[in-house]
Amino acid sequence: MLASLLVLFRQFVDDDLGCASYLVGDERAGIAAIVDPGYAIERYVDAGLEIVVVLETHTHADHVSGHGRLALEHGIPVRVHAAAGATFPHEPLRDGEEIAIGDVVLRVIHTPGHRPEHCSFAVDGKLVMTGDSLFVGDTARPDLAVDAEEGAEGLFHSLRRLAELGDDVVVYPGHVAGSLCGANMSPERSTTIARERTTNRSLVETYEEFLCKVTQQPPRPPNMELIVELNRGPFFGAQPQLRRADVADGAVVLDVREPREFGAGHRAGAVNVPVHGSSFGTKAAFVLPERPIVIEAGSEDDARLAAERLNAVGIFDVAGWRAPGDDEALDAVTVGEVEQWLAADAVQLIDVREKDERDLGFIPGSTHLPYRTVRQAAENGLCGPQPIVTICESGPRAAIAASVLQSVGVDARPVLGGGVATWRGEKYSFRRCGGS
C-alpha cells in the first residue's frame, strides 16, 4: 500500500492470471475508486473503505471483470469509454476528464491501441495506471479487438503520450508476467516513466520497428469472445457456492492435484491441471472441452480455489467437487529414457511448448504440438500409432498434455522433472524471417 496525506493507493495482483487491479482514493475521506476489478471482489469490499466508483481501462479479454458484481451487490456505478460499446448502465469516460475521489484527482488519458476504448488514469502527477498499454519493459498486444496494424498505430502514439507525463511518474500496469495480453512482460509490478523511456524498446523504436515487433504475439486468451461479451454486456453477478458432486453425469473430470499425485492414481478419463501451478485458469480453459466440469481435489479449499480461478476466465459450468478416484495411473518418464527410446524409434516425442520456445532449440525427431492443441489433434486422428511421450521445458505442460491425451484413449506419458532445458543430446534451432 502507498499512502500520503491524501492519496491512498493499493495494488492487487492475481498471480494466476498476471492481472493487476487498483484501489485509489482519499485516505482522510475514507472513499476510493476501484480500477479494473477482478471477478473475486471480496478483496476490495474488505478493504474497509467506501467504494464510490468502478473505472475500467477497457473491456478485458482474458478475465471476467468484477464490475457487475460491485454494481449488483453494492450499487456502485461503473464507468468506461464510449468506444467500448458497453450495454450495461455507465457514464462514459472522456479524454482529459478529471474525476475527484474526495481531494484526490484522477485524470483520464485516452490511450487506444490494445482496444479502441482504452484509457489510462493519472493520479495527482505522481503515478499512472496504464492498464493494457505500457507494461514494465513491454507493451500490450494490439490484435485482440482490431486489425493488428491498426491497433499498433494507435498504441504507438498512445505510448508516446504516456511518456510525456514526466520522468518521476510511477507506472502501474494492468498486467505482469503470466498474462497473454503481451509478449515479454516482466514480473515486476511497477516502474517509472524515466526507466521505460530508456529501456523499453517500444518507446525507442521507430514506428516500423515497433510494428514488426508488436504484431508477433502469443496465443490469444482462451474463451476470449465469451469473456469480452460478458464484460461489455449486462451486469454479470455472483455464482452459487460450490457443492459436493458424487457423480459426474457426463461432465469432464478436472483433477487439480500435483502431477505426481495424479500420476500415482486418478479417475479414468480425468484431465490434470494443478491448481497450485502457474496460470491454472488459462491452461484449464485451453484444454477443457465445452462440457460441465466436476473438480476432483485433495481438499475442499483446493476445490474452491480451482472454481474461483475457473470463474475468472469465464468457466462457470462447474457441477461440483469430489475426492479423486484411483482407477488408472499415468507413469512419468525421464529425459534419459526418452533418449534411448528415440534412438530405437520406439516412441513419438511431442514437444508441447509454444512456437517461439521451440525456435530457440528443439530435439531432432520431435513433433511440435502445443499442449493447448493436443485434444483436437487426438480427436482428429493426428497422433500416430506409436506410444507418445510429451515434453516441455521442465515438465508442467508435458504433464497436462499427457493427461489430456490419456483422457481420450491415447497411450501417452510425460517427461517430469526435466525437459528440453535438461536435454543432453543434440538440439536444433530455427530462425524465422523477420526474427531477431
Protein backbone atom coordinates (compact mmCIF):
# COMPACT_ATOMS: atom_id res chain seq x y z
CA MET A 1 0.00 0.00 0.00
CA LEU A 2 1.13 3.53 -0.78
CA ALA A 3 -0.24 6.44 1.21
CA SER A 4 0.41 10.16 1.53
CA LEU A 5 -1.58 12.79 3.42
CA LEU A 6 -4.33 12.37 0.84
CA VAL A 7 -3.69 9.58 -1.65
CA LEU A 8 -4.46 6.03 -0.64
CA PHE A 9 -3.24 3.54 -3.22
CA ARG A 10 -3.25 -0.25 -3.23
CA GLN A 11 -2.29 -2.72 -5.92
CA PHE A 12 -3.89 -6.18 -6.13
CA VAL A 13 -2.22 -8.78 -8.36
CA ASP A 14 -3.87 -12.03 -9.42
CA ASP A 15 -0.79 -14.23 -9.64
CA ASP A 16 -2.65 -16.91 -11.59
CA LEU A 17 -3.58 -14.62 -14.49
CA GLY A 18 -0.94 -11.90 -14.13
CA CYS A 19 -3.69 -9.28 -13.84
CA ALA A 20 -3.44 -6.15 -11.69
CA SER A 21 -6.28 -4.09 -10.23
CA TYR A 22 -6.14 -0.99 -8.08
CA LEU A 23 -7.78 0.83 -5.22
CA VAL A 24 -7.13 4.58 -5.21
CA GLY A 25 -8.77 7.14 -3.00
CA ASP A 26 -8.76 9.78 -0.32
CA GLU A 27 -7.50 8.37 2.96
CA ARG A 28 -8.96 11.13 5.10
CA ALA A 29 -12.40 10.93 3.50
CA GLY A 30 -12.36 7.13 3.55
CA ILE A 31 -13.55 6.80 -0.05
CA ALA A 32 -11.99 5.10 -3.07
CA ALA A 33 -12.32 4.07 -6.69
CA ILE A 34 -11.55 0.58 -7.96
CA VAL A 35 -9.73 0.31 -11.29
CA ASP A 36 -10.08 -2.89 -13.34
CA PRO A 37 -11.62 -5.10 -10.62
CA GLY A 38 -11.30 -8.86 -10.88
CA TYR A 39 -14.33 -11.13 -10.55
CA ALA A 40 -13.44 -12.02 -6.94
CA ILE A 41 -14.46 -8.69 -5.38
CA GLU A 42 -14.13 -9.59 -1.70
CA ARG A 43 -10.59 -8.15 -1.51
CA TYR A 44 -11.91 -4.69 -2.43
CA VAL A 45 -15.02 -4.81 -0.28
CA ASP A 46 -13.00 -5.96 2.73
CA ALA A 47 -10.58 -3.01 2.43
CA GLY A 48 -12.75 -1.01 4.84
CA LEU A 49 -13.39 1.97 2.53
CA GLU A 50 -16.48 3.26 0.78
CA ILE A 51 -16.12 2.41 -2.90
CA VAL A 52 -17.76 5.21 -4.89
CA VAL A 53 -16.98 4.25 -8.50
CA VAL A 54 -15.52 1.49 -10.67
CA LEU A 55 -13.26 2.61 -13.54
CA GLU A 56 -12.46 0.22 -16.38
CA THR A 57 -9.42 0.93 -18.52
CA HIS A 58 -11.03 -1.20 -21.24
CA THR A 59 -13.12 -4.28 -21.95
CA HIS A 60 -10.94 -7.15 -20.78
CA ALA A 61 -10.46 -10.20 -22.97
CA ASP A 62 -8.59 -12.54 -20.63
CA HIS A 63 -10.62 -12.40 -17.41
CA VAL A 64 -14.13 -11.64 -16.22
CA SER A 65 -14.43 -8.24 -14.58
CA GLY A 66 -15.91 -7.77 -11.14
CA HIS A 67 -17.71 -4.56 -12.11
CA GLY A 68 -21.01 -6.39 -12.50
CA ARG A 69 -20.82 -7.85 -9.01
CA LEU A 70 -19.85 -4.50 -7.49
CA ALA A 71 -22.79 -2.85 -9.26
CA LEU A 72 -25.36 -5.55 -8.45
CA GLU A 73 -24.27 -6.35 -4.90
CA HIS A 74 -23.19 -2.90 -3.73
CA GLY A 75 -24.83 -0.38 -6.06
CA ILE A 76 -21.51 1.06 -7.25
CA PRO A 77 -21.56 2.96 -10.59
CA VAL A 78 -19.29 1.81 -13.40
CA ARG A 79 -17.51 3.94 -15.98
CA VAL A 80 -15.79 3.01 -19.26
CA HIS A 81 -15.04 4.86 -22.51
CA ALA A 82 -17.89 5.06 -25.03
CA ALA A 83 -15.86 3.20 -27.68
CA ALA A 84 -16.26 0.04 -25.61
CA GLY A 85 -19.85 -0.29 -26.79
CA ALA A 86 -20.88 -1.41 -23.29
CA THR A 87 -24.56 -2.26 -22.86
CA PHE A 88 -24.58 -2.03 -19.06
CA PRO A 89 -25.54 1.28 -17.37
CA HIS A 90 -22.49 3.56 -17.32
CA GLU A 91 -21.31 7.13 -17.67
CA PRO A 92 -18.73 7.29 -20.48
CA LEU A 93 -15.18 8.33 -19.68
CA ARG A 94 -13.85 11.33 -21.63
CA ASP A 95 -10.26 12.13 -22.55
CA GLY A 96 -8.88 14.83 -20.26
CA GLU A 97 -11.73 14.48 -17.76
CA GLU A 98 -10.82 14.85 -14.08
CA ILE A 99 -12.53 12.52 -11.62
CA ALA A 100 -12.48 13.64 -7.98
CA ILE A 101 -12.33 10.98 -5.29
CA GLY A 102 -12.52 13.29 -2.30
CA ASP A 103 -9.49 15.54 -2.70
CA VAL A 104 -7.67 13.03 -4.91
CA VAL A 105 -7.97 13.68 -8.65
CA LEU A 106 -7.70 11.07 -11.40
CA ARG A 107 -7.16 12.38 -14.93
CA VAL A 108 -8.45 10.29 -17.84
CA ILE A 109 -5.98 9.76 -20.70
CA HIS A 110 -7.46 8.08 -23.77
CA THR A 111 -4.78 5.58 -24.87
CA PRO A 112 -6.23 3.45 -27.69
CA GLY A 113 -4.26 0.61 -29.24
CA HIS A 114 -4.89 -2.54 -27.25
CA ARG A 115 -8.56 -1.71 -27.71
CA PRO A 116 -10.18 1.44 -29.16
CA GLU A 117 -11.75 2.40 -25.81
CA HIS A 118 -8.59 2.01 -23.73
CA CYS A 119 -7.91 4.70 -21.11
CA SER A 120 -5.17 5.25 -18.54
CA PHE A 121 -5.60 7.10 -15.26
CA ALA A 122 -3.03 9.58 -13.91
CA VAL A 123 -3.19 10.49 -10.21
CA ASP A 124 -2.06 13.90 -8.91
CA GLY A 125 1.03 13.91 -11.13
CA LYS A 126 2.53 11.09 -9.03
CA LEU A 127 1.50 7.86 -10.72
CA VAL A 128 -0.36 6.46 -13.68
CA MET A 129 -2.36 3.25 -14.04
CA THR A 130 -1.68 2.24 -17.62
CA GLY A 131 -3.95 -0.79 -17.95
CA ASP A 132 -3.10 -2.67 -21.15
CA SER A 133 -0.91 -0.06 -22.80
CA LEU A 134 2.51 0.41 -21.18
CA PHE A 135 3.86 -2.55 -19.22
CA VAL A 136 7.15 -2.98 -17.35
CA GLY A 137 9.64 -3.46 -20.18
CA ASP A 138 6.96 -4.29 -22.71
CA THR A 139 3.74 -3.10 -24.30
CA ALA A 140 0.27 -4.52 -24.78
CA ARG A 141 -0.70 -6.54 -27.82
CA PRO A 142 -2.74 -4.66 -30.47
CA ASP A 143 -4.54 -7.57 -32.15
CA LEU A 144 -7.41 -8.57 -29.86
CA ALA A 145 -10.04 -6.02 -30.89
CA VAL A 146 -8.98 -4.65 -34.29
CA ASP A 147 -6.55 -5.44 -37.09
CA ALA A 148 -3.03 -5.72 -35.63
CA GLU A 149 -1.59 -2.90 -37.75
CA GLU A 150 -4.47 -0.56 -36.93
CA GLY A 151 -4.11 -1.30 -33.23
CA ALA A 152 -0.33 -0.93 -33.40
CA GLU A 153 -0.59 2.55 -34.89
CA GLY A 154 -2.86 3.73 -32.09
CA LEU A 155 -0.71 2.06 -29.45
CA PHE A 156 2.49 3.64 -30.81
CA HIS A 157 1.07 7.13 -30.36
CA SER A 158 -0.56 6.32 -27.01
CA LEU A 159 2.76 5.14 -25.57
CA ARG A 160 4.44 8.38 -26.58
CA ARG A 161 1.66 10.33 -24.94
CA LEU A 162 2.25 8.45 -21.71
CA ALA A 163 5.99 9.07 -21.98
CA GLU A 164 5.30 12.80 -21.78
CA LEU A 165 3.88 12.53 -18.25
CA GLY A 166 7.25 13.13 -16.59
CA ASP A 167 10.23 11.00 -15.62
CA ASP A 168 9.30 10.71 -11.94
CA VAL A 169 5.80 9.40 -12.55
CA VAL A 170 5.42 5.81 -11.30
CA VAL A 171 3.80 3.39 -13.76
CA TYR A 172 1.42 0.71 -12.52
CA PRO A 173 0.42 -1.65 -15.36
CA GLY A 174 -2.68 -3.77 -15.80
CA HIS A 175 -0.63 -6.93 -16.30
CA VAL A 176 2.60 -8.57 -15.19
CA ALA A 177 4.26 -11.81 -16.31
CA GLY A 178 1.79 -14.67 -16.77
CA SER A 179 -0.72 -12.78 -18.90
CA LEU A 180 -1.40 -13.40 -22.59
CA CYS A 181 -2.04 -9.68 -23.18
CA GLY A 182 1.62 -9.06 -24.01
CA ALA A 183 4.62 -10.99 -25.28
CA ASN A 184 7.53 -10.37 -22.89
CA MET A 185 6.17 -8.96 -19.66
CA SER A 186 8.27 -8.58 -16.54
CA PRO A 187 7.23 -9.98 -13.14
CA GLU A 188 7.98 -6.55 -11.67
CA ARG A 189 4.85 -4.75 -10.55
CA SER A 190 5.79 -1.12 -11.20
CA THR A 191 8.30 1.05 -13.00
CA THR A 192 8.83 4.73 -13.85
CA ILE A 193 8.42 6.75 -16.99
CA ALA A 194 12.16 7.53 -16.88
CA ARG A 195 13.10 3.86 -16.80
CA GLU A 196 10.74 2.92 -19.61
CA ARG A 197 11.86 5.82 -21.79
CA THR A 198 15.42 4.47 -21.73
CA THR A 199 14.95 0.68 -21.53
CA ASN A 200 11.60 -0.21 -23.12
CA ARG A 201 12.13 -0.94 -26.81
CA SER A 202 8.57 0.13 -27.56
CA LEU A 203 9.46 3.72 -26.61
CA VAL A 204 12.75 3.95 -28.50
CA GLU A 205 11.92 2.09 -31.73
CA THR A 206 10.80 3.67 -34.97
CA TYR A 207 7.22 3.00 -35.99
CA GLU A 208 8.35 0.36 -38.50
CA GLU A 209 10.42 -1.46 -35.87
CA PHE A 210 7.57 -1.24 -33.38
CA LEU A 211 5.05 -2.59 -35.89
CA CYS A 212 7.27 -5.58 -36.69
CA LYS A 213 7.64 -6.48 -33.01
CA VAL A 214 4.12 -5.99 -31.66
CA THR A 215 2.43 -8.00 -34.41
CA GLN A 216 4.33 -11.11 -33.18
CA GLN A 217 2.26 -12.21 -30.20
CA PRO A 218 1.49 -15.27 -28.04
CA PRO A 219 -1.76 -17.24 -28.45
CA ARG A 220 -4.97 -15.34 -27.91
CA PRO A 221 -6.54 -15.84 -24.48
CA PRO A 222 -8.91 -18.81 -24.29
CA ASN A 223 -12.63 -18.01 -24.12
CA MET A 224 -11.79 -14.53 -25.41
CA GLU A 225 -15.03 -13.85 -27.28
CA LEU A 226 -17.16 -15.09 -24.38
CA ILE A 227 -15.23 -13.01 -21.84
CA VAL A 228 -15.48 -9.84 -23.93
CA GLU A 229 -19.23 -10.27 -24.27
CA LEU A 230 -19.63 -10.87 -20.54
CA ASN A 231 -17.57 -7.77 -19.78
CA ARG A 232 -19.42 -5.38 -22.05
CA GLY A 233 -22.87 -6.93 -21.72
CA PRO A 234 -25.44 -6.68 -18.92
CA PHE A 235 -24.05 -6.82 -15.40
CA PHE A 236 -22.96 -10.36 -14.52
CA GLY A 237 -23.42 -11.40 -10.90
CA ALA A 238 -22.04 -13.90 -8.41
CA GLN A 239 -22.23 -17.67 -8.82
CA PRO A 240 -23.73 -20.23 -6.40
CA GLN A 241 -21.42 -21.72 -3.80
CA LEU A 242 -19.50 -24.83 -4.92
CA ARG A 243 -21.22 -28.01 -3.73
CA ARG A 244 -20.32 -31.68 -3.45
CA ALA A 245 -20.94 -33.83 -6.52
CA ASP A 246 -20.96 -37.59 -6.04
CA VAL A 247 -21.45 -38.42 -9.73
CA ALA A 248 -20.16 -36.77 -12.90
CA ASP A 249 -23.22 -37.35 -15.16
CA GLY A 250 -21.36 -36.74 -18.42
CA ALA A 251 -19.19 -33.94 -17.06
CA VAL A 252 -15.48 -33.70 -17.72
CA VAL A 253 -13.44 -34.50 -14.61
CA LEU A 254 -10.76 -31.94 -13.76
CA ASP A 255 -8.23 -33.25 -11.25
CA VAL A 256 -6.36 -30.29 -9.73
CA ARG A 257 -3.71 -32.18 -7.73
CA GLU A 258 0.01 -32.06 -8.47
CA PRO A 259 1.17 -34.19 -11.45
CA ARG A 260 2.90 -36.91 -9.44
CA GLU A 261 -0.16 -37.37 -7.19
CA PHE A 262 -2.35 -37.56 -10.27
CA GLY A 263 0.06 -39.96 -11.94
CA ALA A 264 0.00 -42.35 -8.99
CA GLY A 265 -3.75 -42.83 -9.34
CA HIS A 266 -6.74 -40.97 -10.74
CA ARG A 267 -10.22 -41.45 -12.10
CA ALA A 268 -10.36 -42.80 -15.66
CA GLY A 269 -10.88 -40.01 -18.19
CA ALA A 270 -9.75 -37.22 -15.84
CA VAL A 271 -7.69 -34.25 -17.05
CA ASN A 272 -4.97 -32.92 -14.76
CA VAL A 273 -4.26 -29.19 -14.37
CA PRO A 274 -2.64 -28.42 -10.98
CA VAL A 275 -4.44 -25.58 -9.18
CA HIS A 276 -1.20 -24.51 -7.50
CA GLY A 277 0.71 -24.45 -10.77
CA SER A 278 1.22 -21.30 -12.84
CA SER A 279 -1.64 -19.95 -14.96
CA PHE A 280 -4.11 -22.60 -13.84
CA GLY A 281 -7.17 -20.78 -15.18
CA THR A 282 -5.68 -20.11 -18.59
CA LYS A 283 -4.30 -23.63 -19.01
CA ALA A 284 -7.57 -25.22 -17.92
CA ALA A 285 -9.55 -23.05 -20.33
CA PHE A 286 -7.26 -24.11 -23.19
CA VAL A 287 -7.59 -27.87 -22.63
CA LEU A 288 -11.07 -28.47 -21.24
CA PRO A 289 -13.91 -29.37 -23.64
CA GLU A 290 -17.16 -27.40 -23.53
CA ARG A 291 -18.95 -29.60 -21.03
CA PRO A 292 -19.92 -29.29 -17.37
CA ILE A 293 -16.97 -29.77 -15.03
CA VAL A 294 -16.58 -31.80 -11.86
CA ILE A 295 -13.49 -30.80 -9.89
CA GLU A 296 -11.52 -33.51 -8.09
CA ALA A 297 -9.21 -32.18 -5.40
CA GLY A 298 -7.29 -33.25 -2.34
CA SER A 299 -9.20 -30.76 -0.18
CA GLU A 300 -12.29 -28.57 -0.29
CA ASP A 301 -10.07 -25.47 -0.10
CA ASP A 302 -8.25 -26.52 -3.26
CA ALA A 303 -11.56 -27.25 -4.99
CA ARG A 304 -12.90 -23.81 -4.10
CA LEU A 305 -9.70 -22.14 -5.29
CA ALA A 306 -9.96 -24.03 -8.58
CA ALA A 307 -13.60 -22.96 -9.02
CA GLU A 308 -12.69 -19.33 -8.32
CA ARG A 309 -9.91 -19.41 -10.89
CA LEU A 310 -12.15 -21.10 -13.46
CA ASN A 311 -14.79 -18.41 -12.93
CA ALA A 312 -12.13 -15.74 -13.51
CA VAL A 313 -11.64 -17.00 -17.09
CA GLY A 314 -15.33 -17.35 -17.87
CA ILE A 315 -15.85 -21.01 -16.94
CA PHE A 316 -18.99 -21.15 -14.81
CA ASP A 317 -20.49 -24.55 -15.61
CA VAL A 318 -18.94 -26.26 -12.56
CA ALA A 319 -21.23 -29.02 -11.32
CA GLY A 320 -19.39 -29.52 -8.04
CA TRP A 321 -16.37 -31.21 -6.49
CA ARG A 322 -15.42 -34.57 -5.02
CA ALA A 323 -12.41 -36.56 -3.86
CA PRO A 324 -10.16 -38.05 -6.59
CA GLY A 325 -10.51 -41.60 -7.86
CA ASP A 326 -7.73 -44.13 -8.47
CA ASP A 327 -8.88 -46.14 -11.49
CA GLU A 328 -5.71 -45.68 -13.53
CA ALA A 329 -2.16 -44.31 -13.40
CA LEU A 330 -0.03 -42.09 -15.63
CA ASP A 331 3.62 -43.06 -15.44
CA ALA A 332 6.19 -40.31 -15.89
CA VAL A 333 9.46 -40.88 -17.74
CA THR A 334 12.92 -39.34 -17.58
CA VAL A 335 14.90 -37.48 -20.20
CA GLY A 336 17.40 -40.37 -20.25
CA GLU A 337 14.68 -42.90 -21.07
CA VAL A 338 13.40 -40.71 -23.88
CA GLU A 339 16.88 -40.51 -25.41
CA GLN A 340 17.09 -44.31 -25.52
CA TRP A 341 13.58 -44.77 -26.94
CA LEU A 342 14.12 -42.15 -29.63
CA ALA A 343 17.33 -43.84 -30.72
CA ALA A 344 15.36 -47.08 -31.07
CA ASP A 345 12.44 -45.31 -32.82
CA ALA A 346 10.16 -46.70 -30.11
CA VAL A 347 8.08 -43.60 -29.30
CA GLN A 348 6.66 -40.43 -30.81
CA LEU A 349 8.05 -37.43 -28.92
CA ILE A 350 5.69 -34.45 -28.89
CA ASP A 351 7.10 -31.04 -27.96
CA VAL A 352 4.17 -29.23 -26.33
CA ARG A 353 5.81 -25.80 -25.96
CA GLU A 354 4.89 -22.71 -27.96
CA LYS A 355 6.41 -21.86 -31.32
CA ASP A 356 8.79 -19.16 -30.06
CA GLU A 357 10.19 -21.52 -27.42
CA ARG A 358 10.73 -24.30 -29.93
CA ASP A 359 12.51 -21.94 -32.30
CA LEU A 360 15.21 -21.40 -29.68
CA GLY A 361 16.05 -25.09 -29.54
CA PHE A 362 14.25 -28.38 -30.18
CA ILE A 363 15.02 -32.08 -30.10
CA PRO A 364 15.60 -33.68 -33.52
CA GLY A 365 12.80 -36.09 -34.39
CA SER A 366 10.24 -34.44 -32.12
CA THR A 367 6.83 -33.32 -33.36
CA HIS A 368 5.58 -29.85 -32.44
CA LEU A 369 2.09 -29.72 -30.96
CA PRO A 370 1.41 -27.05 -28.30
CA TYR A 371 -0.27 -28.51 -25.20
CA ARG A 372 -3.42 -26.46 -25.83
CA THR A 373 -3.99 -28.26 -29.16
CA VAL A 374 -3.37 -31.91 -28.27
CA ARG A 375 -7.05 -32.75 -27.64
CA GLN A 376 -8.07 -31.57 -31.10
CA ALA A 377 -5.13 -33.42 -32.67
CA ALA A 378 -6.00 -36.69 -30.94
CA GLU A 379 -9.72 -36.42 -31.68
CA ASN A 380 -8.93 -35.82 -35.35
CA GLY A 381 -6.59 -38.81 -35.66
CA LEU A 382 -3.39 -36.79 -35.95
CA CYS A 383 -1.47 -38.79 -33.35
CA GLY A 384 0.47 -41.75 -34.75
CA PRO A 385 0.29 -45.42 -33.71
CA GLN A 386 3.39 -45.32 -31.50
CA PRO A 387 3.26 -44.63 -27.76
CA ILE A 388 3.58 -40.89 -27.14
CA VAL A 389 5.90 -39.05 -24.80
CA THR A 390 5.17 -35.39 -24.13
CA ILE A 391 7.93 -32.93 -23.30
CA CYS A 392 8.08 -29.22 -22.49
CA GLU A 393 10.76 -27.02 -20.95
CA SER A 394 10.64 -28.53 -17.46
CA GLY A 395 7.59 -30.76 -17.04
CA PRO A 396 4.31 -28.96 -16.12
CA ARG A 397 2.81 -28.58 -19.60
CA ALA A 398 4.01 -32.05 -20.60
CA ALA A 399 2.04 -33.47 -17.68
CA ILE A 400 -1.12 -31.59 -18.68
CA ALA A 401 -0.79 -32.69 -22.31
CA ALA A 402 -0.25 -36.35 -21.39
CA SER A 403 -3.32 -36.31 -19.13
CA VAL A 404 -5.43 -34.83 -21.93
CA LEU A 405 -4.21 -37.46 -24.40
CA GLN A 406 -4.80 -40.28 -21.92
CA SER A 407 -8.33 -38.97 -21.26
CA VAL A 408 -9.23 -39.55 -24.92
CA GLY A 409 -7.66 -43.01 -25.10
CA VAL A 410 -4.13 -42.24 -26.35
CA ASP A 411 -1.13 -44.08 -24.84
CA ALA A 412 0.87 -41.12 -23.53
CA ARG A 413 3.38 -40.39 -20.77
CA PRO A 414 5.03 -37.12 -19.74
CA VAL A 415 8.62 -36.17 -19.03
CA LEU A 416 8.58 -34.78 -15.47
CA GLY A 417 11.38 -33.12 -13.50
CA GLY A 418 13.14 -32.08 -16.69
CA GLY A 419 12.59 -31.45 -20.35
CA VAL A 420 14.12 -29.66 -23.29
CA ALA A 421 16.10 -27.48 -20.86
CA THR A 422 17.88 -30.56 -19.44
CA TRP A 423 18.22 -32.49 -22.71
CA ARG A 424 21.85 -33.61 -23.08
CA GLY A 425 21.75 -34.59 -26.72
CA GLU A 426 21.77 -32.56 -29.91
CA LYS A 427 19.26 -29.71 -30.35
CA TYR A 428 18.34 -27.69 -33.41
CA SER A 429 17.18 -24.08 -33.55
CA PHE A 430 15.17 -22.19 -36.11
CA ARG A 431 15.23 -18.52 -37.12
CA ARG A 432 12.06 -17.24 -38.77
CA CYS A 433 12.01 -14.49 -41.34
CA GLY A 434 11.79 -11.12 -39.55
CA GLY A 435 13.09 -12.59 -36.28
CA SER A 436 15.91 -11.01 -34.34
